[in-house]
Amino acid sequence: MMPEKILSQDEVEALLGAMKESDIDIGNDHSIDSNVKTIDLISKNSAENIQFTVLDEIFNRFIEISENSLSNFLQKEISIEHVETEVVKFKEFMASYSRPSIFNFFTMDPLLGKAIMAIKPQIVMSLIDCMMGGDGKPVDKVNDFTRLEDRLINKFSNKFLREFERSWKNIFPITINFLKVENNPEYIHILSQSDNVVIIDFLIKGTKFEGHINFCISYLMLEPVKEKLSETYLRGKEQDPKQRLRIKKLIKETEVDIVAELGKSEKTIHELLNLKVNDILKIQTGPDDSVTIKVCGIPKYLGDPGVIKGNRAVEISQKLK
């Protein structure tokens, strides 16, 4: 083995002298290459300063398609409200939940990482009651869920996630893959306690109940696409001729409800309760009057009823302003 090379006292003093006189570059230049992008992974303030403007458009679309879909699914009139979107520490979010709650783990391909859809225990029982034919009346105490209750709420969760996936389609298409469900917040460790997360809070309302469902998405999942979720990017897409053509094509393929209204009749509740088979309802229009044609509930045309090849039909006679 070769002996280690040790500097003598004279060599050490000469080296120190050269450093003082700047004859030796000791590497104090810490400038950052202009092509390198700096990302602050810790500061909460840096996350809060980024405005995901287009998320509001996604949420409005989500509410629009979910209200009708869930009302049919639960056979109850359901309304959904976007309460707020905020950036918090993962620890703060988890502290707001107790056992038993519903935590659905899922991915949002092509985004990296895992997200959570969390449902508070009280609304879980209301939703289950609706699926079993009840009105969703809240309960005072919630115990651990049975296997049947787990299966029922999983059906609801899958439905909710599918609608959430659909709402992203026109902005940034994603594919949601369901991973697993957990009931105990103490067993959830998909993120560090100090990680920043984006919390999207929705309020679900029925006639007898209301409660919150939260989406918890790691801030780092949205970081790679934050530009596409900005107002500047959205304005740029609106000015893109190709995007305009895609929007026109989408509008042309959108299905709408068209109803030809033959007439109206006003009745009191007492009269409605006493209606029987073979009773006759008098309407305000006659056989020679035009019928109103409504598109998505809005009067758009007047028409004349008739028959074509054995099928009942309405011929448009006038366009309403």
Protein backbone atom coordinates (compact mmCIF):
# COMPACT_ATOMS: atom_id res chain seq x y z
CA MET A 1 0.00 0.00 0.00
CA MET A 2 1.34 3.44 -0.91
CA PRO A 3 1.71 5.89 1.97
CA GLU A 4 -0.82 8.78 2.08
CA LYS A 5 0.42 12.09 0.64
CA ILE A 6 0.47 14.66 3.47
CA LEU A 7 1.10 18.38 2.84
CA SER A 8 3.96 19.96 4.75
CA GLN A 9 3.48 23.11 6.83
CA ASP A 10 5.10 25.25 4.11
CA GLU A 11 2.77 23.78 1.45
CA VAL A 12 -0.33 24.45 3.56
CA GLU A 13 0.68 28.08 4.15
CA ALA A 14 1.38 28.58 0.43
CA LEU A 15 -2.06 27.16 -0.46
CA LEU A 16 -3.85 29.45 2.02
CA GLY A 17 -1.96 32.44 0.70
CA ALA A 18 -2.94 31.67 -2.87
CA MET A 19 -6.62 31.39 -1.87
CA LYS A 20 -6.52 34.80 -0.16
CA GLU A 21 -4.98 36.39 -3.24
CA SER A 22 -7.69 34.73 -5.46
CA ASP A 23 -5.10 32.83 -7.46
CA ILE A 24 -7.18 29.65 -6.96
CA ASP A 25 -10.86 29.29 -7.92
CA ILE A 26 -12.60 27.80 -4.90
CA GLY A 27 -16.01 27.56 -6.62
CA ASN A 28 -18.03 30.39 -5.04
CA ASP A 29 -20.11 30.86 -8.20
CA HIS A 30 -23.50 29.32 -7.41
CA SER A 31 -25.42 30.94 -10.27
CA ILE A 32 -28.30 28.86 -11.64
CA ASP A 33 -28.52 27.95 -15.30
CA SER A 34 -31.30 29.97 -16.93
CA ASN A 35 -32.70 26.73 -18.42
CA VAL A 36 -33.18 25.20 -14.98
CA LYS A 37 -36.66 25.60 -13.49
CA THR A 38 -36.85 26.12 -9.73
CA ILE A 39 -39.77 24.48 -7.89
CA ASP A 40 -40.43 25.15 -4.21
CA LEU A 41 -41.68 21.85 -2.81
CA ILE A 42 -42.10 23.06 0.77
CA SER A 43 -43.46 26.59 0.95
CA LYS A 44 -47.20 26.76 1.36
CA ASN A 45 -47.18 30.40 0.27
CA SER A 46 -45.73 29.49 -3.12
CA ALA A 47 -48.59 27.04 -3.67
CA GLU A 48 -51.24 29.53 -2.61
CA ASN A 49 -49.93 32.13 -5.05
CA ILE A 50 -50.75 29.91 -8.03
CA GLN A 51 -54.32 30.39 -9.20
CA PHE A 52 -55.77 27.32 -10.92
CA THR A 53 -58.38 29.46 -12.67
CA VAL A 54 -59.58 26.78 -15.05
CA LEU A 55 -60.41 24.48 -12.12
CA ASP A 56 -63.54 26.59 -11.61
CA GLU A 57 -64.66 25.69 -15.12
CA ILE A 58 -64.02 22.02 -14.38
CA PHE A 59 -66.00 22.23 -11.13
CA ASN A 60 -68.94 23.98 -12.81
CA ARG A 61 -69.02 21.25 -15.44
CA PHE A 62 -68.76 18.61 -12.72
CA ILE A 63 -71.74 20.08 -10.84
CA GLU A 64 -73.78 20.32 -14.03
CA ILE A 65 -73.39 16.66 -15.00
CA SER A 66 -73.35 15.24 -11.47
CA GLU A 67 -76.55 16.79 -10.15
CA ASN A 68 -78.68 15.14 -12.81
CA SER A 69 -76.71 11.87 -12.78
CA LEU A 70 -76.78 11.45 -8.98
CA SER A 71 -80.44 12.49 -8.74
CA ASN A 72 -81.29 9.63 -11.10
CA PHE A 73 -78.91 7.25 -9.32
CA LEU A 74 -80.33 7.97 -5.84
CA GLN A 75 -83.90 8.57 -7.06
CA LYS A 76 -83.84 11.80 -5.01
CA GLU A 77 -83.40 15.43 -5.98
CA ILE A 78 -79.75 16.26 -5.29
CA SER A 79 -77.97 19.60 -5.52
CA ILE A 80 -74.19 20.11 -5.46
CA GLU A 81 -72.31 23.27 -4.51
CA HIS A 82 -68.60 24.03 -4.88
CA VAL A 83 -67.75 25.54 -1.50
CA GLU A 84 -64.05 26.37 -1.91
CA THR A 85 -60.64 25.28 -3.12
CA GLU A 86 -57.74 25.75 -0.74
CA VAL A 87 -54.14 24.67 -0.21
CA VAL A 88 -53.37 23.14 3.20
CA LYS A 89 -50.91 20.72 4.73
CA PHE A 90 -51.88 17.06 4.42
CA LYS A 91 -51.81 16.78 8.22
CA GLU A 92 -54.43 19.55 8.55
CA PHE A 93 -56.73 17.86 6.07
CA MET A 94 -56.57 14.46 7.77
CA ALA A 95 -57.18 16.05 11.20
CA SER A 96 -60.68 17.07 10.04
CA TYR A 97 -61.79 13.43 9.64
CA SER A 98 -62.64 10.75 12.17
CA ARG A 99 -63.33 7.02 12.04
CA PRO A 100 -65.34 5.72 10.30
CA SER A 101 -65.09 7.82 7.13
CA ILE A 102 -64.74 6.84 3.48
CA PHE A 103 -61.37 7.47 1.81
CA ASN A 104 -61.27 6.42 -1.85
CA PHE A 105 -57.75 6.24 -3.27
CA PHE A 106 -57.37 6.83 -7.01
CA THR A 107 -54.93 7.96 -9.70
CA MET A 108 -55.46 10.58 -12.42
CA ASP A 109 -53.46 9.35 -15.42
CA PRO A 110 -51.32 10.85 -16.93
CA LEU A 111 -50.69 12.86 -13.73
CA LEU A 112 -48.30 11.18 -11.31
CA GLY A 113 -49.23 10.31 -7.75
CA LYS A 114 -52.35 9.37 -5.81
CA ALA A 115 -55.40 11.37 -4.78
CA ILE A 116 -58.22 10.86 -2.27
CA MET A 117 -61.96 11.36 -2.40
CA ALA A 118 -63.09 11.64 1.22
CA ILE A 119 -66.69 11.41 2.48
CA LYS A 120 -67.74 12.47 5.98
CA PRO A 121 -69.41 9.70 8.05
CA GLN A 122 -72.79 11.44 8.51
CA ILE A 123 -73.42 11.92 4.79
CA VAL A 124 -72.25 8.35 4.12
CA MET A 125 -75.21 7.01 6.09
CA SER A 126 -77.61 9.46 4.38
CA LEU A 127 -76.45 8.34 0.93
CA ILE A 128 -76.78 4.68 1.89
CA ASP A 129 -80.30 5.32 3.20
CA CYS A 130 -81.26 6.93 -0.14
CA MET A 131 -79.91 3.94 -2.07
CA MET A 132 -82.08 1.67 0.08
CA GLY A 133 -85.23 3.68 -0.63
CA GLY A 134 -85.15 6.10 2.31
CA ASP A 135 -85.05 9.88 2.36
CA GLY A 136 -81.50 10.20 3.74
CA LYS A 137 -82.48 11.39 7.21
CA PRO A 138 -79.24 11.92 9.23
CA VAL A 139 -78.33 9.61 12.12
CA ASP A 140 -76.91 10.72 15.47
CA LYS A 141 -74.20 8.08 15.76
CA VAL A 142 -72.21 6.29 13.06
CA ASN A 143 -70.67 2.88 13.76
CA ASP A 144 -68.22 0.92 11.61
CA PHE A 145 -69.75 0.15 8.22
CA THR A 146 -71.08 -3.30 7.41
CA ARG A 147 -70.10 -5.17 4.23
CA LEU A 148 -73.42 -4.25 2.64
CA GLU A 149 -72.94 -0.58 3.50
CA ASP A 150 -69.40 -0.71 2.12
CA ARG A 151 -70.65 -2.15 -1.18
CA LEU A 152 -73.40 0.46 -1.48
CA ILE A 153 -71.15 3.44 -0.81
CA ASN A 154 -68.54 2.00 -3.20
CA LYS A 155 -71.16 2.09 -5.97
CA PHE A 156 -71.85 5.74 -5.19
CA SER A 157 -68.12 6.57 -5.02
CA ASN A 158 -67.42 4.97 -8.40
CA LYS A 159 -70.30 6.94 -9.92
CA PHE A 160 -69.00 10.19 -8.39
CA LEU A 161 -65.45 9.56 -9.64
CA ARG A 162 -66.65 8.78 -13.17
CA GLU A 163 -68.44 12.14 -13.31
CA PHE A 164 -65.32 13.87 -11.95
CA GLU A 165 -63.32 12.26 -14.75
CA ARG A 166 -65.81 13.44 -17.37
CA SER A 167 -65.63 17.04 -16.13
CA TRP A 168 -61.92 17.24 -17.06
CA LYS A 169 -62.43 16.07 -20.65
CA ASN A 170 -62.43 19.44 -22.44
CA ILE A 171 -59.59 20.99 -20.40
CA PHE A 172 -57.08 18.25 -19.66
CA PRO A 173 -58.37 14.70 -20.26
CA ILE A 174 -57.58 12.30 -17.42
CA THR A 175 -58.31 8.66 -16.70
CA ILE A 176 -59.27 7.85 -13.12
CA ASN A 177 -58.25 4.46 -11.79
CA PHE A 178 -59.77 3.39 -8.49
CA LEU A 179 -57.20 1.79 -6.17
CA LYS A 180 -58.74 0.99 -2.79
CA VAL A 181 -60.93 2.29 0.03
CA GLU A 182 -60.02 2.91 3.67
CA ASN A 183 -62.21 3.81 6.67
CA ASN A 184 -59.63 4.74 9.30
CA PRO A 185 -57.69 8.04 8.83
CA GLU A 186 -54.85 6.69 11.01
CA TYR A 187 -53.97 4.17 8.29
CA ILE A 188 -53.50 6.74 5.52
CA HIS A 189 -49.88 7.54 4.74
CA ILE A 190 -49.78 8.18 0.99
CA LEU A 191 -48.21 11.62 1.57
CA SER A 192 -45.90 13.26 4.07
CA GLN A 193 -47.70 15.12 6.86
CA SER A 194 -46.07 18.38 5.74
CA ASP A 195 -46.92 18.03 2.02
CA ASN A 196 -49.11 20.70 0.42
CA VAL A 197 -52.42 19.41 -0.93
CA VAL A 198 -55.21 21.05 -2.91
CA ILE A 199 -58.56 20.48 -1.17
CA ILE A 200 -61.70 20.79 -3.30
CA ASP A 201 -64.78 20.98 -1.10
CA PHE A 202 -68.25 20.09 -2.44
CA LEU A 203 -71.48 20.36 -0.46
CA ILE A 204 -74.06 17.69 -1.33
CA LYS A 205 -77.68 18.53 -0.47
CA GLY A 206 -80.81 16.40 -0.42
CA THR A 207 -84.26 17.24 0.91
CA LYS A 208 -83.47 15.76 4.34
CA PHE A 209 -79.67 15.90 4.53
CA GLU A 210 -76.51 17.68 3.51
CA GLY A 211 -72.81 16.99 3.90
CA HIS A 212 -69.35 17.45 2.46
CA ILE A 213 -67.31 15.43 -0.01
CA ASN A 214 -63.67 16.48 -0.46
CA PHE A 215 -61.13 15.78 -3.16
CA CYS A 216 -57.57 15.83 -1.82
CA ILE A 217 -55.00 16.16 -4.61
CA SER A 218 -51.28 16.50 -4.01
CA TYR A 219 -50.06 19.91 -5.11
CA LEU A 220 -47.17 18.21 -6.91
CA MET A 221 -49.68 16.26 -9.07
CA LEU A 222 -50.99 19.54 -10.49
CA GLU A 223 -47.62 21.29 -10.69
CA PRO A 224 -46.71 19.86 -14.16
CA VAL A 225 -50.02 21.08 -15.66
CA LYS A 226 -50.48 24.33 -13.74
CA GLU A 227 -49.96 26.35 -16.93
CA LYS A 228 -52.85 24.49 -18.60
CA LEU A 229 -54.98 25.30 -15.56
CA SER A 230 -54.24 29.03 -15.82
CA GLU A 231 -56.43 31.76 -17.28
CA THR A 232 -53.65 32.79 -19.68
CA TYR A 233 -53.50 29.30 -21.17
CA LEU A 234 -57.30 29.18 -21.47
CA ARG A 235 -57.37 32.49 -23.39
CA GLY A 236 -54.67 31.16 -25.69
CA LYS A 237 -56.70 28.02 -26.41
CA GLU A 238 -59.78 30.11 -27.17
CA GLN A 239 -57.78 32.01 -29.81
CA ASP A 240 -56.42 28.81 -31.37
CA PRO A 241 -58.30 28.09 -34.66
CA LYS A 242 -57.96 24.34 -34.14
CA GLN A 243 -59.46 24.64 -30.68
CA ARG A 244 -62.37 26.63 -32.08
CA LEU A 245 -63.06 23.88 -34.60
CA ARG A 246 -62.97 21.28 -31.82
CA ILE A 247 -65.41 23.33 -29.74
CA LYS A 248 -67.76 23.75 -32.72
CA LYS A 249 -67.64 20.00 -33.37
CA LEU A 250 -68.32 19.30 -29.68
CA ILE A 251 -71.30 21.69 -29.67
CA LYS A 252 -72.76 20.13 -32.81
CA GLU A 253 -72.55 16.65 -31.27
CA THR A 254 -74.09 17.71 -27.94
CA GLU A 255 -77.50 16.12 -27.33
CA VAL A 256 -80.34 18.40 -26.17
CA ASP A 257 -83.93 17.78 -25.05
CA ILE A 258 -86.66 19.10 -27.36
CA VAL A 259 -90.25 19.17 -26.09
CA ALA A 260 -93.39 20.16 -28.00
CA GLU A 261 -95.78 21.53 -25.36
CA LEU A 262 -99.39 20.97 -26.36
CA GLY A 263 -100.83 23.11 -23.57
CA LYS A 264 -100.98 24.01 -19.88
CA SER A 265 -103.52 23.64 -17.12
CA GLU A 266 -103.43 25.11 -13.62
CA LYS A 267 -104.78 23.10 -10.69
CA THR A 268 -104.78 23.43 -6.93
CA ILE A 269 -103.22 20.77 -4.73
CA HIS A 270 -106.72 19.74 -3.63
CA GLU A 271 -107.80 19.24 -7.25
CA LEU A 272 -104.65 17.24 -8.03
CA LEU A 273 -105.22 14.92 -5.08
CA ASN A 274 -108.74 14.19 -6.30
CA LEU A 275 -107.85 13.39 -9.92
CA LYS A 276 -109.10 9.99 -11.10
CA VAL A 277 -108.78 7.84 -14.21
CA ASN A 278 -110.90 9.23 -17.11
CA ASP A 279 -110.95 12.76 -15.62
CA ILE A 280 -110.48 15.45 -18.29
CA LEU A 281 -107.94 18.25 -17.98
CA LYS A 282 -108.81 21.45 -19.85
CA ILE A 283 -105.81 23.17 -21.44
CA GLN A 284 -105.45 26.78 -22.57
CA THR A 285 -104.87 26.00 -26.25
CA GLY A 286 -107.29 24.81 -28.92
CA PRO A 287 -106.89 22.31 -31.79
CA ASP A 288 -105.99 25.07 -34.25
CA ASP A 289 -103.44 26.81 -32.02
CA SER A 290 -99.68 26.45 -32.49
CA VAL A 291 -97.69 24.47 -29.95
CA THR A 292 -94.60 25.80 -28.21
CA ILE A 293 -91.36 23.93 -28.92
CA LYS A 294 -88.84 24.15 -26.07
CA VAL A 295 -85.11 23.38 -26.27
CA CYS A 296 -83.68 22.49 -22.83
CA GLY A 297 -86.76 24.07 -21.26
CA ILE A 298 -86.44 27.37 -23.20
CA PRO A 299 -89.15 28.31 -25.77
CA LYS A 300 -87.46 28.51 -29.19
CA TYR A 301 -90.11 27.80 -31.86
CA LEU A 302 -93.82 27.60 -32.60
CA GLY A 303 -95.12 24.62 -34.54
CA ASP A 304 -98.20 22.90 -35.95
CA PRO A 305 -98.95 19.34 -34.79
CA GLY A 306 -99.74 16.66 -37.34
CA VAL A 307 -99.00 13.13 -38.55
CA ILE A 308 -96.29 11.99 -40.99
CA LYS A 309 -96.22 8.38 -42.19
CA GLY A 310 -98.26 7.28 -39.22
CA ASN A 311 -96.03 9.07 -36.68
CA ARG A 312 -97.04 12.10 -34.66
CA ALA A 313 -94.94 15.12 -35.61
CA VAL A 314 -94.66 18.90 -35.26
CA GLU A 315 -93.87 21.22 -38.18
CA ILE A 316 -91.92 24.34 -37.18
CA SER A 317 -93.83 27.43 -38.29
CA GLN A 318 -92.05 30.26 -36.51
CA LYS A 319 -88.75 30.96 -34.72
CA LEU A 320 -89.09 32.82 -31.45
CA LYS A 321 -86.69 35.62 -30.58
